[in-house]
PDB file of all heavy atoms in Angstrom:
ATOM      1  N   ARG A   1       0.842  -1.211   0.000  1.00  0.00           N
ATOM      2  CA  ARG A   1       0.000   0.000   0.000  1.00  0.00           C
ATOM      3  C   ARG A   1       0.868   1.249   0.000  1.00  0.00           C
ATOM      4  O   ARG A   1       0.551   2.243  -0.659  1.00  0.00           O
ATOM      5  CB  ARG A   1      -0.916   0.021   1.230  1.00  0.00           C
ATOM      6  CG  ARG A   1      -1.842  -1.158   1.336  1.00  0.00           C
ATOM      7  CD  ARG A   1      -3.000  -1.047   0.393  1.00  0.00           C
ATOM      8  NE  ARG A   1      -3.930  -2.144   0.616  1.00  0.00           N
ATOM      9  CZ  ARG A   1      -5.133  -2.190   0.084  1.00  0.00           C
ATOM     10  NH1 ARG A   1      -5.557  -1.223  -0.689  1.00  0.00           N
ATOM     11  NH2 ARG A   1      -5.914  -3.221   0.315  1.00  0.00           N
ATOM     12  N   VAL A   2       1.964   1.209   0.741  1.00  0.00           N
ATOM     13  CA  VAL A   2       2.886   2.347   0.785  1.00  0.00           C
ATOM     14  C   VAL A   2       3.501   2.569  -0.595  1.00  0.00           C
ATOM     15  O   VAL A   2       3.573   3.707  -1.086  1.00  0.00           O
ATOM     16  CB  VAL A   2       3.984   2.126   1.852  1.00  0.00           C
ATOM     17  CG1 VAL A   2       5.025   3.229   1.801  1.00  0.00           C
ATOM     18  CG2 VAL A   2       3.352   2.031   3.246  1.00  0.00           C
ATOM     19  N   ALA A   3       3.926   1.496  -1.240  1.00  0.00           N
ATOM     20  CA  ALA A   3       4.522   1.612  -2.577  1.00  0.00           C
ATOM     21  C   ALA A   3       3.501   2.158  -3.585  1.00  0.00           C
ATOM     22  O   ALA A   3       3.845   2.999  -4.429  1.00  0.00           O
ATOM     23  CB  ALA A   3       5.047   0.253  -3.028  1.00  0.00           C
ATOM     24  N   GLU A   4       2.270   1.686  -3.487  1.00  0.00           N
ATOM     25  CA  GLU A   4       1.214   2.161  -4.381  1.00  0.00           C
ATOM     26  C   GLU A   4       0.979   3.659  -4.185  1.00  0.00           C
ATOM     27  O   GLU A   4       0.851   4.413  -5.159  1.00  0.00           O
ATOM     28  CB  GLU A   4      -0.063   1.378  -4.104  1.00  0.00           C
ATOM     29  CG  GLU A   4      -1.230   1.756  -4.982  1.00  0.00           C
ATOM     30  CD  GLU A   4      -2.458   0.921  -4.665  1.00  0.00           C
ATOM     31  OE1 GLU A   4      -2.789   0.749  -3.465  1.00  0.00           O
ATOM     32  OE2 GLU A   4      -3.073   0.438  -5.615  1.00  0.00           O
ATOM     33  N   LEU A   5       0.943   4.097  -2.927  1.00  0.00           N
ATOM     34  CA  LEU A   5       0.770   5.522  -2.640  1.00  0.00           C
ATOM     35  C   LEU A   5       1.948   6.330  -3.175  1.00  0.00           C
ATOM     36  O   LEU A   5       1.761   7.385  -3.787  1.00  0.00           O
ATOM     37  CB  LEU A   5       0.602   5.755  -1.142  1.00  0.00           C
ATOM     38  CG  LEU A   5       0.500   7.220  -0.707  1.00  0.00           C
ATOM     39  CD1 LEU A   5      -0.678   7.916  -1.381  1.00  0.00           C
ATOM     40  CD2 LEU A   5       0.411   7.321   0.801  1.00  0.00           C
ATOM     41  N   ALA A   6       3.158   5.840  -2.985  1.00  0.00           N
ATOM     42  CA  ALA A   6       4.344   6.549  -3.481  1.00  0.00           C
ATOM     43  C   ALA A   6       4.289   6.711  -4.996  1.00  0.00           C
ATOM     44  O   ALA A   6       4.592   7.786  -5.531  1.00  0.00           O
ATOM     45  CB  ALA A   6       5.609   5.809  -3.056  1.00  0.00           C
ATOM     46  N   ASP A   7       3.875   5.659  -5.686  1.00  0.00           N
ATOM     47  CA  ASP A   7       3.753   5.735  -7.148  1.00  0.00           C
ATOM     48  C   ASP A   7       2.713   6.772  -7.567  1.00  0.00           C
ATOM     49  O   ASP A   7       2.938   7.561  -8.486  1.00  0.00           O
ATOM     50  CB  ASP A   7       3.373   4.370  -7.731  1.00  0.00           C
ATOM     51  CG  ASP A   7       4.502   3.356  -7.675  1.00  0.00           C
ATOM     52  OD1 ASP A   7       5.663   3.757  -7.419  1.00  0.00           O
ATOM     53  OD2 ASP A   7       4.224   2.157  -7.857  1.00  0.00           O
ATOM     54  N   THR A   8       1.580   6.752  -6.882  1.00  0.00           N
ATOM     55  CA  THR A   8       0.513   7.714  -7.190  1.00  0.00           C
ATOM     56  C   THR A   8       0.993   9.142  -6.956  1.00  0.00           C
ATOM     57  O   THR A   8       0.775  10.026  -7.795  1.00  0.00           O
ATOM     58  CB  THR A   8      -0.730   7.432  -6.320  1.00  0.00           C
ATOM     59  OG1 THR A   8      -1.198   6.119  -6.601  1.00  0.00           O
ATOM     60  CG2 THR A   8      -1.834   8.442  -6.575  1.00  0.00           C
ATOM     61  N   LEU A   9       1.661   9.365  -5.840  1.00  0.00           N
ATOM     62  CA  LEU A   9       2.137  10.714  -5.524  1.00  0.00           C
ATOM     63  C   LEU A   9       3.181  11.190  -6.525  1.00  0.00           C
ATOM     64  O   LEU A   9       3.167  12.350  -6.940  1.00  0.00           O
ATOM     65  CB  LEU A   9       2.678  10.766  -4.097  1.00  0.00           C
ATOM     66  CG  LEU A   9       1.621  10.639  -2.997  1.00  0.00           C
ATOM     67  CD1 LEU A   9       2.283  10.490  -1.643  1.00  0.00           C
ATOM     68  CD2 LEU A   9       0.664  11.823  -3.018  1.00  0.00           C
ATOM     69  N   GLU A  10       4.062  10.296  -6.942  1.00  0.00           N
ATOM     70  CA  GLU A  10       5.081  10.683  -7.920  1.00  0.00           C
ATOM     71  C   GLU A  10       4.452  11.033  -9.268  1.00  0.00           C
ATOM     72  O   GLU A  10       4.947  11.892  -9.985  1.00  0.00           O
ATOM     73  CB  GLU A  10       6.136   9.589  -8.071  1.00  0.00           C
ATOM     74  CG  GLU A  10       7.134   9.579  -6.944  1.00  0.00           C
ATOM     75  CD  GLU A  10       7.793  10.940  -6.689  1.00  0.00           C
ATOM     76  OE1 GLU A  10       8.289  11.576  -7.646  1.00  0.00           O
ATOM     77  OE2 GLU A  10       7.796  11.376  -5.526  1.00  0.00           O
ATOM     78  N   THR A  11       3.360  10.370  -9.597  1.00  0.00           N
ATOM     79  CA  THR A  11       2.641  10.686 -10.833  1.00  0.00           C
ATOM     80  C   THR A  11       2.021  12.080 -10.756  1.00  0.00           C
ATOM     81  O   THR A  11       1.978  12.806 -11.748  1.00  0.00           O
ATOM     82  CB  THR A  11       1.533   9.633 -11.089  1.00  0.00           C
ATOM     83  OG1 THR A  11       2.142   8.349 -11.190  1.00  0.00           O
ATOM     84  CG2 THR A  11       0.758   9.922 -12.351  1.00  0.00           C
ATOM     85  N   LEU A  12       1.544  12.447  -9.574  1.00  0.00           N
ATOM     86  CA  LEU A  12       0.890  13.746  -9.392  1.00  0.00           C
ATOM     87  C   LEU A  12       1.873  14.904  -9.219  1.00  0.00           C
ATOM     88  O   LEU A  12       1.545  16.048  -9.533  1.00  0.00           O
ATOM     89  CB  LEU A  12      -0.031  13.690  -8.168  1.00  0.00           C
ATOM     90  CG  LEU A  12      -1.224  12.756  -8.281  1.00  0.00           C
ATOM     91  CD1 LEU A  12      -1.941  12.667  -6.942  1.00  0.00           C
ATOM     92  CD2 LEU A  12      -2.173  13.227  -9.372  1.00  0.00           C
ATOM     93  N   ARG A  13       3.065  14.620  -8.728  1.00  0.00           N
ATOM     94  CA  ARG A  13       4.027  15.666  -8.367  1.00  0.00           C
ATOM     95  C   ARG A  13       4.249  16.715  -9.461  1.00  0.00           C
ATOM     96  O   ARG A  13       4.194  17.924  -9.188  1.00  0.00           O
ATOM     97  CB  ARG A  13       5.358  15.061  -7.948  1.00  0.00           C
ATOM     98  CG  ARG A  13       6.398  16.105  -7.566  1.00  0.00           C
ATOM     99  CD  ARG A  13       7.764  15.488  -7.326  1.00  0.00           C
ATOM    100  NE  ARG A  13       7.824  14.707  -6.115  1.00  0.00           N
ATOM    101  CZ  ARG A  13       8.086  15.195  -4.904  1.00  0.00           C
ATOM    102  NH1 ARG A  13       8.290  16.475  -4.736  1.00  0.00           N
ATOM    103  NH2 ARG A  13       8.136  14.387  -3.858  1.00  0.00           N
ATOM    104  N   PRO A  14       4.477  16.339 -10.709  1.00  0.00           N
ATOM    105  CA  PRO A  14       4.769  17.361 -11.713  1.00  0.00           C
ATOM    106  C   PRO A  14       3.584  18.270 -12.047  1.00  0.00           C
ATOM    107  O   PRO A  14       3.756  19.307 -12.680  1.00  0.00           O
ATOM    108  CB  PRO A  14       5.180  16.570 -12.959  1.00  0.00           C
ATOM    109  CG  PRO A  14       5.153  15.139 -12.611  1.00  0.00           C
ATOM    110  CD  PRO A  14       4.601  14.990 -11.239  1.00  0.00           C
ATOM    111  N   HIS A  15       2.400  17.898 -11.618  1.00  0.00           N
ATOM    112  CA  HIS A  15       1.196  18.632 -11.985  1.00  0.00           C
ATOM    113  C   HIS A  15       0.663  19.525 -10.866  1.00  0.00           C
ATOM    114  O   HIS A  15      -0.420  20.099 -11.011  1.00  0.00           O
ATOM    115  CB  HIS A  15       0.104  17.642 -12.414  1.00  0.00           C
ATOM    116  CG  HIS A  15       0.557  16.697 -13.462  1.00  0.00           C
ATOM    117  ND1 HIS A  15       0.751  17.066 -14.778  1.00  0.00           N
ATOM    118  CD2 HIS A  15       0.913  15.385 -13.392  1.00  0.00           C
ATOM    119  CE1 HIS A  15       1.187  16.035 -15.470  1.00  0.00           C
ATOM    120  NE2 HIS A  15       1.292  14.997 -14.652  1.00  0.00           N
ATOM    121  N   MET A  16       1.413  19.626  -9.775  1.00  0.00           N
ATOM    122  CA  MET A  16       0.928  20.389  -8.622  1.00  0.00           C
ATOM    123  C   MET A  16       2.002  21.328  -8.104  1.00  0.00           C
ATOM    124  O   MET A  16       3.182  20.986  -8.134  1.00  0.00           O
ATOM    125  CB  MET A  16       0.532  19.442  -7.478  1.00  0.00           C
ATOM    126  CG  MET A  16      -0.515  18.433  -7.819  1.00  0.00           C
ATOM    127  SD  MET A  16      -0.871  17.376  -6.406  1.00  0.00           S
ATOM    128  CE  MET A  16      -2.131  18.343  -5.629  1.00  0.00           C
ATOM    129  N   PRO A  17       1.584  22.475  -7.575  1.00  0.00           N
ATOM    130  CA  PRO A  17       2.556  23.325  -6.879  1.00  0.00           C
ATOM    131  C   PRO A  17       3.093  22.578  -5.654  1.00  0.00           C
ATOM    132  O   PRO A  17       2.399  21.759  -5.060  1.00  0.00           O
ATOM    133  CB  PRO A  17       1.738  24.542  -6.447  1.00  0.00           C
ATOM    134  CG  PRO A  17       0.472  24.485  -7.242  1.00  0.00           C
ATOM    135  CD  PRO A  17       0.257  23.063  -7.622  1.00  0.00           C
ATOM    136  N   GLU A  18       4.325  22.865  -5.262  1.00  0.00           N
ATOM    137  CA  GLU A  18       4.986  22.130  -4.181  1.00  0.00           C
ATOM    138  C   GLU A  18       4.223  22.213  -2.860  1.00  0.00           C
ATOM    139  O   GLU A  18       4.106  21.219  -2.149  1.00  0.00           O
ATOM    140  CB  GLU A  18       6.419  22.626  -4.000  1.00  0.00           C
ATOM    141  CG  GLU A  18       7.254  21.766  -3.080  1.00  0.00           C
ATOM    142  CD  GLU A  18       7.360  20.303  -3.520  1.00  0.00           C
ATOM    143  OE1 GLU A  18       7.439  20.028  -4.725  1.00  0.00           O
ATOM    144  OE2 GLU A  18       7.348  19.418  -2.631  1.00  0.00           O
ATOM    145  N   ASP A  19       3.675  23.384  -2.527  1.00  0.00           N
ATOM    146  CA  ASP A  19       2.954  23.508  -1.256  1.00  0.00           C
ATOM    147  C   ASP A  19       1.684  22.656  -1.255  1.00  0.00           C
ATOM    148  O   ASP A  19       1.361  21.995  -0.273  1.00  0.00           O
ATOM    149  CB  ASP A  19       2.644  24.966  -0.926  1.00  0.00           C
ATOM    150  CG  ASP A  19       1.818  25.674  -1.986  1.00  0.00           C
ATOM    151  OD1 ASP A  19       1.804  25.223  -3.151  1.00  0.00           O
ATOM    152  OD2 ASP A  19       1.198  26.708  -1.651  1.00  0.00           O
ATOM    153  N   MET A  20       0.983  22.615  -2.373  1.00  0.00           N
ATOM    154  CA  MET A  20      -0.224  21.792  -2.474  1.00  0.00           C
ATOM    155  C   MET A  20       0.148  20.301  -2.440  1.00  0.00           C
ATOM    156  O   MET A  20      -0.535  19.501  -1.798  1.00  0.00           O
ATOM    157  CB  MET A  20      -0.977  22.097  -3.771  1.00  0.00           C
ATOM    158  CG  MET A  20      -2.301  21.367  -3.897  1.00  0.00           C
ATOM    159  SD  MET A  20      -3.126  21.638  -5.484  1.00  0.00           S
ATOM    160  CE  MET A  20      -3.548  23.357  -5.330  1.00  0.00           C
ATOM    161  N   PHE A  21       1.233  19.953  -3.102  1.00  0.00           N
ATOM    162  CA  PHE A  21       1.685  18.568  -3.107  1.00  0.00           C
ATOM    163  C   PHE A  21       2.056  18.114  -1.701  1.00  0.00           C
ATOM    164  O   PHE A  21       1.746  17.002  -1.293  1.00  0.00           O
ATOM    165  CB  PHE A  21       2.885  18.402  -4.051  1.00  0.00           C
ATOM    166  CG  PHE A  21       3.404  17.004  -4.108  1.00  0.00           C
ATOM    167  CD1 PHE A  21       2.733  16.034  -4.840  1.00  0.00           C
ATOM    168  CD2 PHE A  21       4.549  16.642  -3.418  1.00  0.00           C
ATOM    169  CE1 PHE A  21       3.203  14.726  -4.879  1.00  0.00           C
ATOM    170  CE2 PHE A  21       5.026  15.347  -3.455  1.00  0.00           C
ATOM    171  CZ  PHE A  21       4.347  14.384  -4.192  1.00  0.00           C
ATOM    172  N   SER A  22       2.684  18.984  -0.943  1.00  0.00           N
ATOM    173  CA  SER A  22       3.074  18.659   0.429  1.00  0.00           C
ATOM    174  C   SER A  22       1.849  18.380   1.305  1.00  0.00           C
ATOM    175  O   SER A  22       1.831  17.418   2.082  1.00  0.00           O
ATOM    176  CB  SER A  22       3.895  19.807   1.011  1.00  0.00           C
ATOM    177  OG  SER A  22       4.226  19.547   2.341  1.00  0.00           O
ATOM    178  N   VAL A  23       0.820  19.213   1.177  1.00  0.00           N
ATOM    179  CA  VAL A  23      -0.412  19.024   1.953  1.00  0.00           C
ATOM    180  C   VAL A  23      -1.093  17.715   1.547  1.00  0.00           C
ATOM    181  O   VAL A  23      -1.533  16.938   2.394  1.00  0.00           O
ATOM    182  CB  VAL A  23      -1.367  20.228   1.766  1.00  0.00           C
ATOM    183  CG1 VAL A  23      -2.740  19.943   2.342  1.00  0.00           C
ATOM    184  CG2 VAL A  23      -0.771  21.475   2.387  1.00  0.00           C
ATOM    185  N   LEU A  24      -1.166  17.458   0.235  1.00  0.00           N
ATOM    186  CA  LEU A  24      -1.779  16.220  -0.247  1.00  0.00           C
ATOM    187  C   LEU A  24      -1.020  14.998   0.262  1.00  0.00           C
ATOM    188  O   LEU A  24      -1.624  14.033   0.724  1.00  0.00           O
ATOM    189  CB  LEU A  24      -1.809  16.205  -1.781  1.00  0.00           C
ATOM    190  CG  LEU A  24      -2.331  14.903  -2.401  1.00  0.00           C
ATOM    191  CD1 LEU A  24      -3.814  14.712  -2.102  1.00  0.00           C
ATOM    192  CD2 LEU A  24      -2.069  14.888  -3.895  1.00  0.00           C
ATOM    193  N   THR A  25       0.300  15.047   0.206  1.00  0.00           N
ATOM    194  CA  THR A  25       1.126  13.927   0.670  1.00  0.00           C
ATOM    195  C   THR A  25       0.875  13.638   2.140  1.00  0.00           C
ATOM    196  O   THR A  25       0.668  12.492   2.542  1.00  0.00           O
ATOM    197  CB  THR A  25       2.615  14.224   0.425  1.00  0.00           C
ATOM    198  OG1 THR A  25       2.826  14.397  -0.980  1.00  0.00           O
ATOM    199  CG2 THR A  25       3.501  13.108   0.936  1.00  0.00           C
ATOM    200  N   SER A  26       0.860  14.675   2.949  1.00  0.00           N
ATOM    201  CA  SER A  26       0.620  14.510   4.380  1.00  0.00           C
ATOM    202  C   SER A  26      -0.753  13.893   4.640  1.00  0.00           C
ATOM    203  O   SER A  26      -0.893  12.961   5.448  1.00  0.00           O
ATOM    204  CB  SER A  26       0.737  15.861   5.076  1.00  0.00           C
ATOM    205  OG  SER A  26       0.466  15.731   6.440  1.00  0.00           O
ATOM    206  N   ALA A  27      -1.777  14.384   3.949  1.00  0.00           N
ATOM    207  CA  ALA A  27      -3.137  13.863   4.137  1.00  0.00           C
ATOM    208  C   ALA A  27      -3.234  12.401   3.704  1.00  0.00           C
ATOM    209  O   ALA A  27      -3.868  11.583   4.386  1.00  0.00           O
ATOM    210  CB  ALA A  27      -4.137  14.709   3.353  1.00  0.00           C
ATOM    211  N   LYS A  28      -2.607  12.069   2.600  1.00  0.00           N
ATOM    212  CA  LYS A  28      -2.659  10.687   2.104  1.00  0.00           C
ATOM    213  C   LYS A  28      -1.923   9.729   3.046  1.00  0.00           C
ATOM    214  O   LYS A  28      -2.376   8.608   3.273  1.00  0.00           O
ATOM    215  CB  LYS A  28      -2.051  10.604   0.698  1.00  0.00           C
ATOM    216  CG  LYS A  28      -2.886  11.260  -0.367  1.00  0.00           C
ATOM    217  CD  LYS A  28      -4.101  10.421  -0.653  1.00  0.00           C
ATOM    218  CE  LYS A  28      -4.796  10.861  -1.912  1.00  0.00           C
ATOM    219  NZ  LYS A  28      -5.965  10.045  -2.205  1.00  0.00           N
ATOM    220  N   ILE A  29      -0.804  10.160   3.599  1.00  0.00           N
ATOM    221  CA  ILE A  29      -0.054   9.311   4.534  1.00  0.00           C
ATOM    222  C   ILE A  29      -0.863   9.091   5.810  1.00  0.00           C
ATOM    223  O   ILE A  29      -0.952   7.975   6.318  1.00  0.00           O
ATOM    224  CB  ILE A  29       1.331   9.917   4.834  1.00  0.00           C
ATOM    225  CG1 ILE A  29       2.211   9.801   3.579  1.00  0.00           C
ATOM    226  CG2 ILE A  29       1.988   9.231   6.028  1.00  0.00           C
ATOM    227  CD1 ILE A  29       3.511  10.582   3.656  1.00  0.00           C
ATOM    228  N   THR A  30      -1.475  10.152   6.321  1.00  0.00           N
ATOM    229  CA  THR A  30      -2.318  10.021   7.511  1.00  0.00           C
ATOM    230  C   THR A  30      -3.473   9.056   7.245  1.00  0.00           C
ATOM    231  O   THR A  30      -3.752   8.164   8.056  1.00  0.00           O
ATOM    232  CB  THR A  30      -2.863  11.398   7.938  1.00  0.00           C
ATOM    233  OG1 THR A  30      -1.761  12.231   8.299  1.00  0.00           O
ATOM    234  CG2 THR A  30      -3.815  11.277   9.120  1.00  0.00           C
ATOM    235  N   THR A  31      -4.132   9.211   6.102  1.00  0.00           N
ATOM    236  CA  THR A  31      -5.244   8.328   5.750  1.00  0.00           C
ATOM    237  C   THR A  31      -4.787   6.881   5.656  1.00  0.00           C
ATOM    238  O   THR A  31      -5.480   5.970   6.129  1.00  0.00           O
ATOM    239  CB  THR A  31      -5.884   8.780   4.424  1.00  0.00           C
ATOM    240  OG1 THR A  31      -6.355  10.117   4.577  1.00  0.00           O
ATOM    241  CG2 THR A  31      -7.035   7.875   4.024  1.00  0.00           C
ATOM    242  N   LEU A  32      -3.625   6.650   5.088  1.00  0.00           N
ATOM    243  CA  LEU A  32      -3.103   5.290   4.968  1.00  0.00           C
ATOM    244  C   LEU A  32      -2.869   4.666   6.346  1.00  0.00           C
ATOM    245  O   LEU A  32      -3.219   3.511   6.588  1.00  0.00           O
ATOM    246  CB  LEU A  32      -1.814   5.299   4.151  1.00  0.00           C
ATOM    247  CG  LEU A  32      -1.279   3.946   3.695  1.00  0.00           C
ATOM    248  CD1 LEU A  32      -2.294   3.228   2.810  1.00  0.00           C
ATOM    249  CD2 LEU A  32       0.026   4.133   2.945  1.00  0.00           C
ATOM    250  N   HIS A  33      -2.328   5.443   7.274  1.00  0.00           N
ATOM    251  CA  HIS A  33      -2.112   4.940   8.638  1.00  0.00           C
ATOM    252  C   HIS A  33      -3.443   4.638   9.327  1.00  0.00           C
ATOM    253  O   HIS A  33      -3.592   3.593   9.971  1.00  0.00           O
ATOM    254  CB  HIS A  33      -1.319   5.955   9.467  1.00  0.00           C
ATOM    255  CG  HIS A  33       0.142   5.855   9.280  1.00  0.00           C
ATOM    256  ND1 HIS A  33       0.936   4.980   9.983  1.00  0.00           N
ATOM    257  CD2 HIS A  33       0.979   6.518   8.445  1.00  0.00           C
ATOM    258  CE1 HIS A  33       2.183   5.099   9.610  1.00  0.00           C
ATOM    259  NE2 HIS A  33       2.243   6.037   8.662  1.00  0.00           N
ATOM    260  N   VAL A  34      -4.414   5.534   9.193  1.00  0.00           N
ATOM    261  CA  VAL A  34      -5.711   5.332   9.838  1.00  0.00           C
ATOM    262  C   VAL A  34      -6.415   4.110   9.239  1.00  0.00           C
ATOM    263  O   VAL A  34      -7.008   3.309   9.967  1.00  0.00           O
ATOM    264  CB  VAL A  34      -6.581   6.601   9.751  1.00  0.00           C
ATOM    265  CG1 VAL A  34      -8.004   6.342  10.226  1.00  0.00           C
ATOM    266  CG2 VAL A  34      -5.948   7.726  10.571  1.00  0.00           C
ATOM    267  N   ARG A  35      -6.317   3.932   7.940  1.00  0.00           N
ATOM    268  CA  ARG A  35      -6.913   2.744   7.316  1.00  0.00           C
ATOM    269  C   ARG A  35      -6.285   1.469   7.874  1.00  0.00           C
ATOM    270  O   ARG A  35      -6.976   0.490   8.147  1.00  0.00           O
ATOM    271  CB  ARG A  35      -6.731   2.781   5.805  1.00  0.00           C
ATOM    272  CG  ARG A  35      -7.678   3.694   5.120  1.00  0.00           C
ATOM    273  CD  ARG A  35      -7.477   3.660   3.625  1.00  0.00           C
ATOM    274  NE  ARG A  35      -8.556   4.360   2.965  1.00  0.00           N
ATOM    275  CZ  ARG A  35      -8.646   4.516   1.670  1.00  0.00           C
ATOM    276  NH1 ARG A  35      -7.724   4.020   0.876  1.00  0.00           N
ATOM    277  NH2 ARG A  35      -9.659   5.163   1.149  1.00  0.00           N
ATOM    278  N   ALA A  36      -4.974   1.476   8.026  1.00  0.00           N
ATOM    279  CA  ALA A  36      -4.282   0.304   8.570  1.00  0.00           C
ATOM    280  C   ALA A  36      -4.750   0.021  10.000  1.00  0.00           C
ATOM    281  O   ALA A  36      -5.003  -1.133  10.364  1.00  0.00           O
ATOM    282  CB  ALA A  36      -2.771   0.512   8.528  1.00  0.00           C
TER     283      ALA A  36
END
């Protein structure tokens, strides 16, 4: 699941401003932990 999230985030990275990408990354990591 972590690898899948990393792949998804890397796909999105070039299409987002860095500050927005940082917020999205943090939210996705938190969600992944809560799901686990």
